Amino acid sequence: MELIGKRWAGAIIWALSEHPHYFAELSQAVPGLSDRLLSRRLRELESEGLVTRSVYADTPPRVSYALTEKGKALRPAIRELRAWAQHWNSD
């Protein structure tokens, strides 16, 4: 619960719940999040088995991130939290 409660972790999981993203796409999908903090959160999520990292040997190398099965299991909870926030922020 501590990991999911960390600032930006839920937003990153939400962005990845739709489809995998490259780092730059994630940076755009979560406005206000610095690249440094995005990197840190992605490493934390990866170490907990929620996110997988794939490196493509292009020039320059590209890195994409996707939810693991464990991460995908959080979708319903993240969806409910988003609905709650939308309901209570609409006032």
N, C-alpha and C. Protein backbone atom coordinates (compact mmCIF):
# COMPACT_ATOMS: atom_id res chain seq x y z
N MET A 1 0.82 -1.20 0.00
CA MET A 1 0.00 0.00 0.00
C MET A 1 0.87 1.26 0.00
N GLU A 2 2.01 1.19 0.69
CA GLU A 2 2.89 2.35 0.73
C GLU A 2 3.37 2.73 -0.67
N LEU A 3 3.72 1.74 -1.47
CA LEU A 3 4.22 2.02 -2.82
C LEU A 3 3.15 2.69 -3.68
N ILE A 4 1.95 2.16 -3.65
CA ILE A 4 0.86 2.71 -4.46
C ILE A 4 0.48 4.10 -3.97
N GLY A 5 0.64 4.33 -2.68
CA GLY A 5 0.31 5.63 -2.11
C GLY A 5 1.35 6.70 -2.35
N LYS A 6 2.52 6.32 -2.85
CA LYS A 6 3.54 7.32 -3.13
C LYS A 6 3.09 8.24 -4.25
N ARG A 7 3.51 9.48 -4.14
CA ARG A 7 3.14 10.47 -5.14
C ARG A 7 3.50 9.98 -6.53
N TRP A 8 2.58 10.06 -7.45
CA TRP A 8 2.69 9.75 -8.86
C TRP A 8 2.60 8.26 -9.19
N ALA A 9 2.74 7.37 -8.23
CA ALA A 9 2.71 5.93 -8.54
C ALA A 9 1.38 5.53 -9.17
N GLY A 10 0.28 5.99 -8.59
CA GLY A 10 -1.04 5.67 -9.13
C GLY A 10 -1.23 6.21 -10.54
N ALA A 11 -0.74 7.42 -10.78
CA ALA A 11 -0.87 8.03 -12.11
C ALA A 11 -0.06 7.25 -13.15
N ILE A 12 1.11 6.76 -12.75
CA ILE A 12 1.93 5.97 -13.66
C ILE A 12 1.23 4.65 -13.98
N ILE A 13 0.71 4.00 -12.96
CA ILE A 13 -0.01 2.74 -13.16
C ILE A 13 -1.23 2.98 -14.05
N TRP A 14 -1.94 4.07 -13.80
CA TRP A 14 -3.11 4.39 -14.62
C TRP A 14 -2.71 4.56 -16.08
N ALA A 15 -1.63 5.30 -16.33
CA ALA A 15 -1.18 5.52 -17.71
C ALA A 15 -0.80 4.20 -18.38
N LEU A 16 -0.15 3.33 -17.63
CA LEU A 16 0.27 2.05 -18.20
C LEU A 16 -0.87 1.04 -18.30
N SER A 17 -1.99 1.31 -17.64
CA SER A 17 -3.10 0.35 -17.67
C SER A 17 -3.74 0.27 -19.05
N GLU A 18 -3.58 1.30 -19.85
CA GLU A 18 -4.17 1.29 -21.19
C GLU A 18 -3.29 0.52 -22.18
N HIS A 19 -1.98 0.76 -22.14
CA HIS A 19 -1.03 0.09 -23.03
C HIS A 19 0.38 0.45 -22.59
N PRO A 20 1.37 -0.31 -23.07
CA PRO A 20 2.77 0.02 -22.73
C PRO A 20 3.13 1.40 -23.27
N HIS A 21 4.08 2.03 -22.61
CA HIS A 21 4.55 3.36 -23.02
C HIS A 21 6.07 3.40 -23.03
N TYR A 22 6.60 4.20 -23.95
CA TYR A 22 8.01 4.54 -23.88
C TYR A 22 8.16 5.61 -22.80
N PHE A 23 9.38 5.82 -22.33
CA PHE A 23 9.62 6.75 -21.24
C PHE A 23 9.06 8.14 -21.57
N ALA A 24 9.37 8.65 -22.76
CA ALA A 24 8.91 10.00 -23.14
C ALA A 24 7.38 10.07 -23.17
N GLU A 25 6.72 9.01 -23.61
CA GLU A 25 5.26 8.98 -23.63
C GLU A 25 4.71 9.04 -22.21
N LEU A 26 5.34 8.30 -21.30
CA LEU A 26 4.91 8.33 -19.90
C LEU A 26 5.09 9.72 -19.31
N SER A 27 6.19 10.34 -19.65
CA SER A 27 6.47 11.68 -19.15
C SER A 27 5.37 12.66 -19.59
N GLN A 28 4.89 12.50 -20.80
CA GLN A 28 3.80 13.34 -21.31
C GLN A 28 2.45 12.95 -20.72
N ALA A 29 2.27 11.67 -20.46
CA ALA A 29 0.98 11.18 -19.94
C ALA A 29 0.75 11.58 -18.50
N VAL A 30 1.82 11.89 -17.78
CA VAL A 30 1.72 12.28 -16.37
C VAL A 30 2.34 13.67 -16.24
N PRO A 31 1.59 14.72 -16.60
CA PRO A 31 2.15 16.08 -16.56
C PRO A 31 2.50 16.49 -15.13
N GLY A 32 3.59 17.25 -15.02
CA GLY A 32 4.02 17.73 -13.72
C GLY A 32 5.02 16.82 -13.03
N LEU A 33 5.27 15.67 -13.60
CA LEU A 33 6.19 14.69 -13.03
C LEU A 33 7.56 14.86 -13.70
N SER A 34 8.59 15.08 -12.89
CA SER A 34 9.93 15.24 -13.45
C SER A 34 10.45 13.90 -13.96
N ASP A 35 11.36 13.95 -14.92
CA ASP A 35 11.96 12.73 -15.45
C ASP A 35 12.70 11.95 -14.36
N ARG A 36 13.34 12.67 -13.48
CA ARG A 36 14.08 12.02 -12.39
C ARG A 36 13.16 11.22 -11.48
N LEU A 37 12.05 11.85 -11.08
CA LEU A 37 11.10 11.15 -10.21
C LEU A 37 10.39 10.03 -10.96
N LEU A 38 10.10 10.23 -12.24
CA LEU A 38 9.49 9.16 -13.05
C LEU A 38 10.42 7.95 -13.08
N SER A 39 11.70 8.18 -13.30
CA SER A 39 12.67 7.08 -13.30
C SER A 39 12.68 6.35 -11.97
N ARG A 40 12.66 7.10 -10.88
CA ARG A 40 12.68 6.50 -9.55
C ARG A 40 11.44 5.65 -9.31
N ARG A 41 10.26 6.21 -9.64
CA ARG A 41 9.02 5.46 -9.42
C ARG A 41 8.98 4.20 -10.29
N LEU A 42 9.43 4.31 -11.53
CA LEU A 42 9.43 3.15 -12.41
C LEU A 42 10.34 2.06 -11.86
N ARG A 43 11.50 2.43 -11.34
CA ARG A 43 12.40 1.44 -10.73
C ARG A 43 11.73 0.78 -9.53
N GLU A 44 11.05 1.57 -8.71
CA GLU A 44 10.35 1.01 -7.54
C GLU A 44 9.24 0.06 -7.96
N LEU A 45 8.45 0.47 -8.94
CA LEU A 45 7.36 -0.37 -9.42
C LEU A 45 7.90 -1.64 -10.06
N GLU A 46 9.02 -1.52 -10.75
CA GLU A 46 9.65 -2.69 -11.36
C GLU A 46 10.18 -3.64 -10.28
N SER A 47 10.79 -3.10 -9.24
CA SER A 47 11.35 -3.95 -8.19
C SER A 47 10.26 -4.68 -7.41
N GLU A 48 9.05 -4.13 -7.39
CA GLU A 48 7.92 -4.78 -6.72
C GLU A 48 7.17 -5.73 -7.64
N GLY A 49 7.61 -5.82 -8.89
CA GLY A 49 6.98 -6.75 -9.83
C GLY A 49 5.70 -6.24 -10.46
N LEU A 50 5.48 -4.92 -10.42
CA LEU A 50 4.27 -4.34 -11.00
C LEU A 50 4.47 -3.87 -12.44
N VAL A 51 5.71 -3.55 -12.77
CA VAL A 51 6.04 -3.01 -14.09
C VAL A 51 7.22 -3.80 -14.66
N THR A 52 7.19 -4.01 -15.95
CA THR A 52 8.30 -4.64 -16.64
C THR A 52 8.92 -3.62 -17.59
N ARG A 53 10.22 -3.71 -17.75
CA ARG A 53 10.98 -2.78 -18.57
C ARG A 53 11.58 -3.56 -19.74
N SER A 54 11.37 -3.04 -20.97
CA SER A 54 11.92 -3.68 -22.17
C SER A 54 12.82 -2.69 -22.88
N VAL A 55 14.04 -3.11 -23.19
CA VAL A 55 15.01 -2.26 -23.88
C VAL A 55 15.13 -2.74 -25.32
N TYR A 56 15.01 -1.81 -26.26
CA TYR A 56 15.13 -2.11 -27.69
C TYR A 56 16.44 -1.53 -28.20
N ALA A 57 17.20 -2.35 -28.89
CA ALA A 57 18.54 -1.98 -29.35
C ALA A 57 18.49 -1.13 -30.62
N ASP A 58 17.70 -0.09 -30.59
CA ASP A 58 17.66 0.86 -31.71
C ASP A 58 18.76 1.89 -31.48
N THR A 59 18.90 2.80 -32.41
CA THR A 59 19.80 3.93 -32.23
C THR A 59 18.99 5.19 -32.25
N PRO A 60 18.83 5.90 -31.16
CA PRO A 60 19.29 5.55 -29.81
C PRO A 60 18.41 4.44 -29.21
N PRO A 61 18.91 3.78 -28.16
CA PRO A 61 18.12 2.71 -27.53
C PRO A 61 16.79 3.26 -27.00
N ARG A 62 15.77 2.45 -27.10
CA ARG A 62 14.46 2.84 -26.59
C ARG A 62 14.07 1.89 -25.47
N VAL A 63 13.36 2.44 -24.49
CA VAL A 63 12.93 1.65 -23.35
C VAL A 63 11.42 1.82 -23.21
N SER A 64 10.72 0.69 -23.12
CA SER A 64 9.27 0.77 -22.90
C SER A 64 8.94 0.10 -21.58
N TYR A 65 7.82 0.50 -21.04
CA TYR A 65 7.35 0.00 -19.76
C TYR A 65 5.92 -0.50 -19.92
N ALA A 66 5.62 -1.60 -19.24
CA ALA A 66 4.28 -2.19 -19.29
C ALA A 66 3.96 -2.78 -17.92
N LEU A 67 2.69 -2.92 -17.66
CA LEU A 67 2.27 -3.57 -16.42
C LEU A 67 2.47 -5.07 -16.53
N THR A 68 2.89 -5.69 -15.45
CA THR A 68 2.94 -7.15 -15.36
C THR A 68 1.53 -7.63 -15.01
N GLU A 69 1.34 -8.92 -14.92
CA GLU A 69 0.04 -9.44 -14.49
C GLU A 69 -0.31 -8.92 -13.10
N LYS A 70 0.69 -8.86 -12.23
CA LYS A 70 0.49 -8.33 -10.88
C LYS A 70 0.05 -6.87 -10.95
N GLY A 71 0.67 -6.09 -11.83
CA GLY A 71 0.30 -4.69 -11.99
C GLY A 71 -1.09 -4.53 -12.59
N LYS A 72 -1.42 -5.39 -13.56
CA LYS A 72 -2.74 -5.33 -14.18
C LYS A 72 -3.85 -5.63 -13.18
N ALA A 73 -3.52 -6.41 -12.16
CA ALA A 73 -4.52 -6.74 -11.15
C ALA A 73 -4.93 -5.50 -10.33
N LEU A 74 -4.16 -4.44 -10.42
CA LEU A 74 -4.49 -3.19 -9.72
C LEU A 74 -5.49 -2.33 -10.50
N ARG A 75 -5.75 -2.65 -11.75
CA ARG A 75 -6.65 -1.82 -12.57
C ARG A 75 -7.98 -1.51 -11.91
N PRO A 76 -8.70 -2.51 -11.37
CA PRO A 76 -9.99 -2.19 -10.75
C PRO A 76 -9.86 -1.21 -9.59
N ALA A 77 -8.84 -1.37 -8.77
CA ALA A 77 -8.65 -0.47 -7.63
C ALA A 77 -8.33 0.94 -8.10
N ILE A 78 -7.46 1.07 -9.09
CA ILE A 78 -7.10 2.39 -9.63
C ILE A 78 -8.32 3.03 -10.28
N ARG A 79 -9.11 2.23 -10.99
CA ARG A 79 -10.33 2.74 -11.63
C ARG A 79 -11.30 3.30 -10.59
N GLU A 80 -11.46 2.58 -9.49
CA GLU A 80 -12.37 3.04 -8.41
C GLU A 80 -11.85 4.32 -7.76
N LEU A 81 -10.56 4.39 -7.52
CA LEU A 81 -9.98 5.61 -6.94
C LEU A 81 -10.16 6.80 -7.87
N ARG A 82 -10.00 6.57 -9.16
CA ARG A 82 -10.19 7.66 -10.13
C ARG A 82 -11.65 8.13 -10.13
N ALA A 83 -12.58 7.19 -10.10
CA ALA A 83 -14.00 7.54 -10.07
C ALA A 83 -14.33 8.32 -8.80
N TRP A 84 -13.77 7.90 -7.68
CA TRP A 84 -13.99 8.60 -6.42
C TRP A 84 -13.47 10.03 -6.51
N ALA A 85 -12.25 10.20 -7.05
CA ALA A 85 -11.65 11.53 -7.17
C ALA A 85 -12.47 12.41 -8.10
N GLN A 86 -12.94 11.87 -9.21
CA GLN A 86 -13.74 12.64 -10.14
C GLN A 86 -15.06 13.07 -9.50
N HIS A 87 -15.68 12.19 -8.73
CA HIS A 87 -16.94 12.51 -8.07
C HIS A 87 -16.76 13.64 -7.06
N TRP A 88 -15.75 13.55 -6.24
CA TRP A 88 -15.57 14.51 -5.15
C TRP A 88 -14.86 15.78 -5.58
N ASN A 89 -14.22 15.77 -6.74
CA ASN A 89 -13.58 16.99 -7.25
C ASN A 89 -14.50 17.76 -8.18
N SER A 90 -15.67 17.25 -8.44
CA SER A 90 -16.59 17.91 -9.35
C SER A 90 -17.39 19.03 -8.67
N ASP A 91 -17.29 19.11 -7.36
CA ASP A 91 -18.04 20.16 -6.63
C ASP A 91 -17.38 21.51 -6.75
